[in-house]
N, C-alpha and C. Protein backbone atom coordinates (compact mmCIF):
# COMPACT_ATOMS: atom_id res chain seq x y z
N MET A 1 -23.43 28.74 -25.84
CA MET A 1 -24.73 28.10 -25.66
C MET A 1 -25.78 28.88 -26.41
N ALA A 2 -26.85 28.22 -26.83
CA ALA A 2 -27.91 28.85 -27.60
C ALA A 2 -28.56 30.00 -26.81
N GLU A 3 -29.06 30.96 -27.54
CA GLU A 3 -29.71 32.10 -26.95
C GLU A 3 -31.00 31.71 -26.25
N LEU A 4 -31.74 30.78 -26.80
CA LEU A 4 -32.98 30.33 -26.22
C LEU A 4 -32.90 28.86 -25.87
N TYR A 5 -33.50 28.47 -24.77
CA TYR A 5 -33.47 27.11 -24.33
C TYR A 5 -34.91 26.68 -24.19
N SER A 6 -35.37 25.83 -25.06
CA SER A 6 -36.77 25.37 -25.06
C SER A 6 -36.91 24.26 -24.02
N THR A 7 -37.85 24.49 -23.06
CA THR A 7 -38.08 23.50 -22.00
C THR A 7 -39.37 22.73 -22.27
N THR A 8 -40.29 23.34 -22.92
CA THR A 8 -41.52 22.65 -23.29
C THR A 8 -41.97 23.20 -24.63
N MET A 9 -43.08 22.71 -25.14
CA MET A 9 -43.59 23.24 -26.43
C MET A 9 -43.93 24.70 -26.33
N THR A 10 -44.36 25.17 -25.15
CA THR A 10 -44.87 26.55 -25.05
C THR A 10 -43.99 27.47 -24.24
N GLU A 11 -42.94 27.01 -23.61
CA GLU A 11 -42.15 27.86 -22.74
C GLU A 11 -40.70 27.83 -23.14
N THR A 12 -40.11 29.00 -23.09
CA THR A 12 -38.68 29.13 -23.43
C THR A 12 -37.97 29.97 -22.40
N LEU A 13 -36.78 29.54 -22.03
CA LEU A 13 -35.91 30.33 -21.15
C LEU A 13 -34.93 31.06 -22.02
N ASP A 14 -34.77 32.32 -21.76
CA ASP A 14 -33.79 33.09 -22.51
C ASP A 14 -32.42 33.01 -21.84
N SER A 15 -31.43 33.65 -22.44
CA SER A 15 -30.05 33.56 -21.91
C SER A 15 -29.96 34.19 -20.52
N ILE A 16 -30.76 35.20 -20.21
CA ILE A 16 -30.72 35.84 -18.88
C ILE A 16 -31.25 34.87 -17.85
N ASP A 17 -32.39 34.17 -18.15
CA ASP A 17 -32.94 33.18 -17.24
C ASP A 17 -31.88 32.10 -16.94
N LEU A 18 -31.25 31.62 -17.99
CA LEU A 18 -30.22 30.59 -17.82
C LEU A 18 -29.07 31.08 -17.01
N GLN A 19 -28.65 32.32 -17.21
CA GLN A 19 -27.56 32.92 -16.46
C GLN A 19 -27.95 33.04 -14.99
N ILE A 20 -29.17 33.42 -14.71
CA ILE A 20 -29.66 33.49 -13.32
C ILE A 20 -29.60 32.11 -12.68
N LEU A 21 -30.09 31.09 -13.38
CA LEU A 21 -30.06 29.75 -12.82
C LEU A 21 -28.63 29.27 -12.61
N ARG A 22 -27.74 29.50 -13.54
CA ARG A 22 -26.34 29.08 -13.35
C ARG A 22 -25.71 29.77 -12.13
N THR A 23 -25.96 31.05 -12.01
CA THR A 23 -25.39 31.83 -10.92
C THR A 23 -25.93 31.38 -9.58
N LEU A 24 -27.22 31.14 -9.50
CA LEU A 24 -27.81 30.67 -8.23
C LEU A 24 -27.36 29.27 -7.88
N GLN A 25 -27.06 28.44 -8.87
CA GLN A 25 -26.53 27.09 -8.55
C GLN A 25 -25.17 27.20 -7.86
N LYS A 26 -24.40 28.18 -8.20
CA LYS A 26 -23.09 28.35 -7.59
C LYS A 26 -23.18 28.97 -6.20
N ASN A 27 -24.15 29.89 -6.02
CA ASN A 27 -24.29 30.53 -4.71
C ASN A 27 -25.74 31.05 -4.60
N SER A 28 -26.57 30.32 -3.91
CA SER A 28 -27.97 30.72 -3.77
C SER A 28 -28.18 31.77 -2.69
N LYS A 29 -27.13 32.14 -1.97
CA LYS A 29 -27.24 33.15 -0.91
C LYS A 29 -27.05 34.57 -1.42
N LEU A 30 -26.84 34.71 -2.74
CA LEU A 30 -26.67 36.08 -3.28
C LEU A 30 -27.90 36.95 -3.02
N THR A 31 -27.67 38.18 -2.72
CA THR A 31 -28.80 39.11 -2.62
C THR A 31 -29.27 39.39 -4.04
N THR A 32 -30.48 39.99 -4.15
CA THR A 32 -30.98 40.34 -5.48
C THR A 32 -30.03 41.29 -6.16
N LYS A 33 -29.47 42.22 -5.44
CA LYS A 33 -28.51 43.20 -6.04
C LYS A 33 -27.26 42.45 -6.56
N GLU A 34 -26.73 41.53 -5.74
CA GLU A 34 -25.55 40.78 -6.19
C GLU A 34 -25.86 39.92 -7.41
N LEU A 35 -27.03 39.31 -7.41
CA LEU A 35 -27.43 38.51 -8.56
C LEU A 35 -27.62 39.38 -9.81
N ALA A 36 -28.22 40.56 -9.61
CA ALA A 36 -28.41 41.50 -10.70
C ALA A 36 -27.08 41.93 -11.30
N ASP A 37 -26.13 42.21 -10.42
CA ASP A 37 -24.78 42.61 -10.89
C ASP A 37 -24.14 41.48 -11.67
N ALA A 38 -24.34 40.26 -11.23
CA ALA A 38 -23.71 39.09 -11.89
C ALA A 38 -24.26 38.84 -13.30
N VAL A 39 -25.55 39.22 -13.49
CA VAL A 39 -26.15 39.00 -14.83
C VAL A 39 -26.35 40.29 -15.59
N ASN A 40 -25.76 41.38 -15.06
CA ASN A 40 -25.78 42.67 -15.77
C ASN A 40 -27.17 43.23 -16.01
N LEU A 41 -28.02 43.17 -14.98
CA LEU A 41 -29.34 43.78 -15.05
C LEU A 41 -29.57 44.54 -13.77
N THR A 42 -30.68 45.27 -13.70
CA THR A 42 -31.03 45.94 -12.45
C THR A 42 -31.80 44.99 -11.54
N PRO A 43 -31.84 45.29 -10.26
CA PRO A 43 -32.46 44.36 -9.33
C PRO A 43 -33.92 43.98 -9.58
N THR A 44 -34.75 44.96 -9.98
CA THR A 44 -36.19 44.68 -10.13
C THR A 44 -36.48 43.58 -11.17
N PRO A 45 -35.96 43.66 -12.40
CA PRO A 45 -36.23 42.57 -13.35
C PRO A 45 -35.64 41.25 -12.95
N VAL A 46 -34.49 41.29 -12.25
CA VAL A 46 -33.88 40.05 -11.78
C VAL A 46 -34.77 39.41 -10.70
N PHE A 47 -35.26 40.23 -9.80
CA PHE A 47 -36.16 39.74 -8.76
C PHE A 47 -37.40 39.10 -9.40
N GLU A 48 -37.97 39.76 -10.37
CA GLU A 48 -39.19 39.24 -11.03
C GLU A 48 -38.90 37.95 -11.76
N ARG A 49 -37.73 37.87 -12.43
CA ARG A 49 -37.37 36.65 -13.14
C ARG A 49 -37.16 35.49 -12.17
N GLN A 50 -36.48 35.78 -11.08
CA GLN A 50 -36.17 34.74 -10.09
C GLN A 50 -37.48 34.21 -9.52
N LYS A 51 -38.41 35.09 -9.17
CA LYS A 51 -39.70 34.66 -8.62
C LYS A 51 -40.46 33.84 -9.66
N ARG A 52 -40.43 34.23 -10.92
CA ARG A 52 -41.10 33.48 -12.02
C ARG A 52 -40.47 32.06 -12.14
N LEU A 53 -39.14 31.99 -12.06
CA LEU A 53 -38.45 30.70 -12.16
C LEU A 53 -38.83 29.81 -10.95
N GLU A 54 -39.02 30.40 -9.79
CA GLU A 54 -39.46 29.65 -8.62
C GLU A 54 -40.89 29.17 -8.78
N ARG A 55 -41.81 30.07 -9.20
CA ARG A 55 -43.21 29.70 -9.39
C ARG A 55 -43.38 28.58 -10.40
N ARG A 56 -42.58 28.64 -11.46
CA ARG A 56 -42.74 27.64 -12.51
C ARG A 56 -41.95 26.33 -12.24
N GLY A 57 -41.30 26.30 -11.13
CA GLY A 57 -40.67 25.06 -10.69
C GLY A 57 -39.26 24.81 -11.19
N TYR A 58 -38.64 25.77 -11.86
CA TYR A 58 -37.25 25.61 -12.28
C TYR A 58 -36.32 25.60 -11.06
N ILE A 59 -36.68 26.43 -10.09
CA ILE A 59 -35.97 26.43 -8.80
C ILE A 59 -36.87 25.72 -7.82
N LYS A 60 -36.44 24.55 -7.37
CA LYS A 60 -37.28 23.77 -6.45
C LYS A 60 -37.18 24.27 -5.03
N ARG A 61 -35.95 24.54 -4.56
CA ARG A 61 -35.72 25.03 -3.22
C ARG A 61 -34.28 25.48 -3.09
N TYR A 62 -33.97 26.10 -1.99
CA TYR A 62 -32.64 26.54 -1.64
C TYR A 62 -32.16 25.74 -0.45
N VAL A 63 -30.93 25.23 -0.49
CA VAL A 63 -30.43 24.42 0.61
C VAL A 63 -28.97 24.80 0.93
N ALA A 64 -28.55 24.42 2.16
CA ALA A 64 -27.16 24.56 2.55
C ALA A 64 -26.55 23.15 2.37
N VAL A 65 -25.39 23.07 1.79
CA VAL A 65 -24.70 21.82 1.60
C VAL A 65 -23.77 21.65 2.83
N LEU A 66 -24.06 20.60 3.60
CA LEU A 66 -23.35 20.37 4.88
C LEU A 66 -22.17 19.44 4.68
N ASP A 67 -21.22 19.53 5.57
CA ASP A 67 -20.04 18.65 5.58
C ASP A 67 -20.34 17.42 6.42
N ALA A 68 -20.61 16.29 5.79
CA ALA A 68 -21.00 15.06 6.46
C ALA A 68 -19.90 14.57 7.42
N GLU A 69 -18.62 14.68 7.01
CA GLU A 69 -17.53 14.25 7.87
C GLU A 69 -17.54 15.03 9.19
N LYS A 70 -17.66 16.34 9.12
CA LYS A 70 -17.63 17.18 10.30
C LYS A 70 -18.83 16.89 11.20
N LEU A 71 -19.91 16.41 10.62
CA LEU A 71 -21.11 16.12 11.41
C LEU A 71 -21.18 14.65 11.85
N GLY A 72 -20.08 13.91 11.68
CA GLY A 72 -20.01 12.55 12.17
C GLY A 72 -20.76 11.56 11.30
N LEU A 73 -20.98 11.87 10.04
CA LEU A 73 -21.69 10.93 9.13
C LEU A 73 -20.83 10.65 7.95
N GLY A 74 -19.59 10.27 8.21
CA GLY A 74 -18.57 10.11 7.17
C GLY A 74 -18.71 8.86 6.33
N LEU A 75 -19.45 7.87 6.77
CA LEU A 75 -19.60 6.67 5.96
C LEU A 75 -20.73 6.87 4.97
N GLN A 76 -20.39 6.78 3.68
CA GLN A 76 -21.37 6.90 2.63
C GLN A 76 -21.48 5.57 1.90
N VAL A 77 -22.70 5.08 1.73
CA VAL A 77 -22.93 3.80 1.13
C VAL A 77 -24.00 3.90 0.06
N PHE A 78 -23.76 3.23 -1.06
CA PHE A 78 -24.77 3.07 -2.07
C PHE A 78 -25.32 1.66 -1.89
N CYS A 79 -26.58 1.57 -1.66
CA CYS A 79 -27.20 0.29 -1.34
C CYS A 79 -28.19 -0.06 -2.47
N LYS A 80 -27.89 -1.16 -3.18
CA LYS A 80 -28.78 -1.63 -4.23
C LYS A 80 -29.79 -2.56 -3.63
N VAL A 81 -31.07 -2.33 -3.87
CA VAL A 81 -32.14 -3.08 -3.26
C VAL A 81 -32.97 -3.81 -4.31
N LYS A 82 -33.20 -5.10 -4.09
CA LYS A 82 -34.08 -5.89 -4.91
C LYS A 82 -35.22 -6.32 -4.05
N LEU A 83 -36.44 -6.10 -4.53
CA LEU A 83 -37.62 -6.54 -3.81
C LEU A 83 -37.97 -7.97 -4.23
N LYS A 84 -38.67 -8.68 -3.33
CA LYS A 84 -39.09 -10.07 -3.63
C LYS A 84 -39.98 -10.11 -4.85
N GLN A 85 -40.90 -9.17 -4.94
CA GLN A 85 -41.76 -8.99 -6.09
C GLN A 85 -42.11 -7.52 -6.11
N ILE A 86 -42.62 -7.04 -7.24
CA ILE A 86 -42.93 -5.65 -7.33
C ILE A 86 -44.22 -5.42 -8.13
N ASN A 87 -45.03 -4.53 -7.58
CA ASN A 87 -46.19 -4.00 -8.26
C ASN A 87 -46.42 -2.59 -7.72
N HIS A 88 -47.47 -1.92 -8.16
CA HIS A 88 -47.64 -0.53 -7.69
C HIS A 88 -47.81 -0.44 -6.18
N GLU A 89 -48.57 -1.32 -5.60
CA GLU A 89 -48.80 -1.28 -4.16
C GLU A 89 -47.54 -1.52 -3.36
N ILE A 90 -46.75 -2.52 -3.76
CA ILE A 90 -45.49 -2.84 -3.09
C ILE A 90 -44.51 -1.69 -3.26
N ALA A 91 -44.39 -1.13 -4.48
CA ALA A 91 -43.50 -0.03 -4.77
C ALA A 91 -43.86 1.19 -3.95
N ASP A 92 -45.14 1.52 -3.87
CA ASP A 92 -45.60 2.67 -3.08
C ASP A 92 -45.31 2.48 -1.60
N ALA A 93 -45.56 1.29 -1.09
CA ALA A 93 -45.28 1.01 0.32
C ALA A 93 -43.78 1.12 0.61
N PHE A 94 -42.96 0.59 -0.30
CA PHE A 94 -41.51 0.67 -0.11
C PHE A 94 -41.05 2.15 -0.09
N ALA A 95 -41.55 2.92 -1.06
CA ALA A 95 -41.18 4.34 -1.15
C ALA A 95 -41.58 5.10 0.12
N ARG A 96 -42.81 4.84 0.59
CA ARG A 96 -43.26 5.52 1.83
C ARG A 96 -42.37 5.16 3.00
N ARG A 97 -41.94 3.94 3.09
CA ARG A 97 -41.08 3.49 4.19
C ARG A 97 -39.70 4.15 4.09
N ILE A 98 -39.16 4.20 2.87
CA ILE A 98 -37.85 4.80 2.68
C ILE A 98 -37.85 6.29 3.00
N MET A 99 -38.96 6.93 2.69
CA MET A 99 -39.09 8.39 2.94
C MET A 99 -38.96 8.71 4.42
N ARG A 100 -39.27 7.75 5.27
CA ARG A 100 -39.23 7.97 6.72
C ARG A 100 -37.87 7.64 7.34
N LEU A 101 -36.92 7.16 6.53
CA LEU A 101 -35.62 6.79 7.05
C LEU A 101 -34.62 7.91 6.85
N PRO A 102 -34.22 8.64 7.90
CA PRO A 102 -33.31 9.75 7.73
C PRO A 102 -31.93 9.37 7.23
N GLU A 103 -31.52 8.14 7.43
CA GLU A 103 -30.21 7.70 6.95
C GLU A 103 -30.17 7.68 5.42
N VAL A 104 -31.30 7.51 4.78
CA VAL A 104 -31.39 7.47 3.31
C VAL A 104 -31.53 8.88 2.83
N THR A 105 -30.49 9.40 2.16
CA THR A 105 -30.52 10.78 1.70
C THR A 105 -31.00 10.88 0.27
N GLU A 106 -30.92 9.79 -0.50
CA GLU A 106 -31.42 9.76 -1.86
C GLU A 106 -31.94 8.36 -2.15
N CYS A 107 -32.98 8.26 -2.97
CA CYS A 107 -33.51 6.96 -3.39
C CYS A 107 -33.97 7.05 -4.81
N TYR A 108 -33.57 6.12 -5.61
CA TYR A 108 -33.92 6.07 -7.04
C TYR A 108 -34.51 4.73 -7.38
N ASN A 109 -35.60 4.74 -8.12
CA ASN A 109 -36.19 3.53 -8.69
C ASN A 109 -35.40 3.28 -9.99
N THR A 110 -34.78 2.10 -10.13
CA THR A 110 -33.89 1.87 -11.26
C THR A 110 -34.31 0.66 -12.09
N SER A 111 -33.73 0.59 -13.29
CA SER A 111 -33.92 -0.63 -14.09
C SER A 111 -32.70 -1.53 -13.91
N GLY A 112 -32.79 -2.74 -14.39
CA GLY A 112 -31.66 -3.65 -14.30
C GLY A 112 -31.90 -4.71 -13.22
N ASN A 113 -30.82 -5.19 -12.64
CA ASN A 113 -30.88 -6.27 -11.66
C ASN A 113 -31.48 -5.86 -10.32
N TYR A 114 -31.47 -4.57 -10.01
CA TYR A 114 -32.01 -4.09 -8.75
C TYR A 114 -33.14 -3.13 -8.99
N ASP A 115 -34.03 -3.01 -8.03
CA ASP A 115 -35.22 -2.16 -8.17
C ASP A 115 -34.96 -0.74 -7.68
N TYR A 116 -34.08 -0.57 -6.71
CA TYR A 116 -33.82 0.74 -6.10
C TYR A 116 -32.35 0.91 -5.81
N LEU A 117 -31.91 2.15 -5.86
CA LEU A 117 -30.57 2.53 -5.42
C LEU A 117 -30.75 3.54 -4.31
N LEU A 118 -30.21 3.23 -3.13
CA LEU A 118 -30.25 4.14 -1.99
C LEU A 118 -28.88 4.74 -1.74
N LYS A 119 -28.87 5.98 -1.38
CA LYS A 119 -27.65 6.64 -0.89
C LYS A 119 -27.87 6.79 0.61
N VAL A 120 -27.01 6.21 1.37
CA VAL A 120 -27.16 6.14 2.81
C VAL A 120 -25.94 6.78 3.49
N ARG A 121 -26.21 7.54 4.54
CA ARG A 121 -25.14 8.11 5.36
C ARG A 121 -25.21 7.54 6.77
N ALA A 122 -24.05 7.19 7.33
CA ALA A 122 -23.95 6.65 8.67
C ALA A 122 -22.65 7.15 9.29
N ALA A 123 -22.58 7.05 10.62
CA ALA A 123 -21.36 7.43 11.33
C ALA A 123 -20.23 6.48 11.08
N ASN A 124 -20.56 5.18 11.01
CA ASN A 124 -19.53 4.15 10.88
C ASN A 124 -20.16 2.87 10.42
N MET A 125 -19.35 1.82 10.26
CA MET A 125 -19.84 0.54 9.80
C MET A 125 -20.86 -0.08 10.76
N LYS A 126 -20.62 0.07 12.03
CA LYS A 126 -21.57 -0.49 13.03
C LYS A 126 -22.96 0.15 12.89
N GLN A 127 -22.98 1.47 12.74
CA GLN A 127 -24.28 2.15 12.58
C GLN A 127 -24.95 1.72 11.29
N TYR A 128 -24.17 1.53 10.23
CA TYR A 128 -24.74 1.06 8.96
C TYR A 128 -25.32 -0.34 9.13
N GLN A 129 -24.59 -1.21 9.84
CA GLN A 129 -25.08 -2.56 10.07
C GLN A 129 -26.41 -2.53 10.84
N GLU A 130 -26.49 -1.67 11.83
CA GLU A 130 -27.75 -1.53 12.59
C GLU A 130 -28.89 -1.06 11.67
N PHE A 131 -28.57 -0.15 10.78
CA PHE A 131 -29.57 0.36 9.82
C PHE A 131 -30.06 -0.78 8.94
N VAL A 132 -29.13 -1.58 8.42
CA VAL A 132 -29.50 -2.70 7.55
C VAL A 132 -30.34 -3.70 8.28
N LEU A 133 -29.90 -4.11 9.48
CA LEU A 133 -30.59 -5.13 10.24
C LEU A 133 -31.95 -4.68 10.81
N ASN A 134 -31.96 -3.47 11.36
CA ASN A 134 -33.15 -3.04 12.08
C ASN A 134 -34.16 -2.22 11.28
N LYS A 135 -33.70 -1.61 10.22
CA LYS A 135 -34.61 -0.77 9.43
C LYS A 135 -34.92 -1.38 8.08
N LEU A 136 -33.89 -1.61 7.28
CA LEU A 136 -34.14 -2.28 5.99
C LEU A 136 -34.66 -3.70 6.22
N GLY A 137 -34.07 -4.37 7.17
CA GLY A 137 -34.45 -5.76 7.47
C GLY A 137 -35.89 -5.91 7.90
N ASP A 138 -36.53 -4.86 8.35
CA ASP A 138 -37.94 -4.88 8.78
C ASP A 138 -38.91 -4.74 7.60
N ILE A 139 -38.40 -4.51 6.41
CA ILE A 139 -39.29 -4.32 5.24
C ILE A 139 -39.58 -5.70 4.68
N ASP A 140 -40.84 -6.12 4.76
CA ASP A 140 -41.24 -7.48 4.33
C ASP A 140 -40.96 -7.73 2.85
N SER A 141 -41.10 -6.73 2.02
CA SER A 141 -40.93 -6.96 0.55
C SER A 141 -39.46 -7.01 0.15
N LEU A 142 -38.53 -6.78 1.07
CA LEU A 142 -37.10 -6.75 0.73
C LEU A 142 -36.65 -8.16 0.34
N GLY A 143 -36.04 -8.26 -0.85
CA GLY A 143 -35.48 -9.53 -1.33
C GLY A 143 -34.06 -9.66 -1.00
N SER A 144 -33.25 -8.68 -1.48
CA SER A 144 -31.82 -8.67 -1.22
C SER A 144 -31.26 -7.28 -1.37
N ILE A 145 -30.07 -7.09 -0.79
CA ILE A 145 -29.38 -5.81 -0.89
C ILE A 145 -27.91 -6.10 -1.25
N GLU A 146 -27.30 -5.14 -1.85
CA GLU A 146 -25.87 -5.16 -2.13
C GLU A 146 -25.34 -3.77 -1.75
N SER A 147 -24.37 -3.71 -0.87
CA SER A 147 -23.82 -2.45 -0.42
C SER A 147 -22.51 -2.14 -1.08
N MET A 148 -22.37 -0.93 -1.54
CA MET A 148 -21.09 -0.44 -2.08
C MET A 148 -20.65 0.72 -1.20
N PHE A 149 -19.47 0.59 -0.61
CA PHE A 149 -18.96 1.60 0.32
C PHE A 149 -18.07 2.58 -0.41
N VAL A 150 -18.32 3.89 -0.18
CA VAL A 150 -17.53 4.92 -0.85
C VAL A 150 -16.20 5.05 -0.14
N MET A 151 -15.11 4.91 -0.87
CA MET A 151 -13.76 5.02 -0.29
C MET A 151 -13.32 6.49 -0.34
N SER A 152 -13.62 7.15 -1.45
CA SER A 152 -13.35 8.60 -1.51
C SER A 152 -14.29 9.22 -2.54
N GLU A 153 -14.61 10.46 -2.30
CA GLU A 153 -15.51 11.18 -3.19
C GLU A 153 -14.66 11.97 -4.19
N VAL A 154 -14.83 11.62 -5.44
CA VAL A 154 -14.03 12.26 -6.51
C VAL A 154 -14.66 13.56 -6.98
N LYS A 155 -15.98 13.55 -7.11
CA LYS A 155 -16.69 14.74 -7.55
C LYS A 155 -18.07 14.78 -6.90
N GLN A 156 -18.43 15.95 -6.42
CA GLN A 156 -19.76 16.14 -5.88
C GLN A 156 -20.18 17.51 -6.35
N ASP A 157 -21.08 17.54 -7.30
CA ASP A 157 -21.58 18.82 -7.87
C ASP A 157 -23.08 18.77 -7.92
N TYR A 158 -23.70 19.67 -7.23
CA TYR A 158 -25.17 19.67 -7.18
C TYR A 158 -25.82 20.41 -8.30
N GLY A 159 -25.03 21.09 -9.14
CA GLY A 159 -25.58 21.86 -10.22
C GLY A 159 -25.87 21.03 -11.46
N LEU A 160 -26.72 21.56 -12.32
CA LEU A 160 -27.02 20.96 -13.58
C LEU A 160 -26.28 21.70 -14.67
N HIS A 161 -25.79 21.02 -15.65
CA HIS A 161 -25.08 21.63 -16.77
C HIS A 161 -26.14 22.16 -17.72
N ILE A 162 -26.41 23.47 -17.65
CA ILE A 162 -27.39 24.12 -18.53
C ILE A 162 -26.75 25.25 -19.33
């Protein structure tokens, strides 16, 4: 990989910054000392670099990846949503409504035949049906939905290839 990675006209990440980001993507629980050992630096400059990467928004947050099956949310559904009509006001209202639905873990505004793609988690088909009827069904601007049920997860990687 290139020594420097240009992110904007004025900012560049060097190979150490990229190595820190790659390492944290694999395990964000590393102590500063462990991270420093992984990138072959001392803890103080690694700590300063990590804080700079956080301040500048390269690192948005740290999360724990949970096992949905063990938590009783084994049904994963991709739900394609088409609105009856769309403009800024309708899109903003839809987004605000979706943000309040805990079953929706991801939402994307898309191009093509559908306006949005939702990733939904539920315990089972009955719970998903209740979600569709009682929550999505209450959205006035909703035109149609198409549900795709995940039969098995082939790859789940939260990291970015940098």
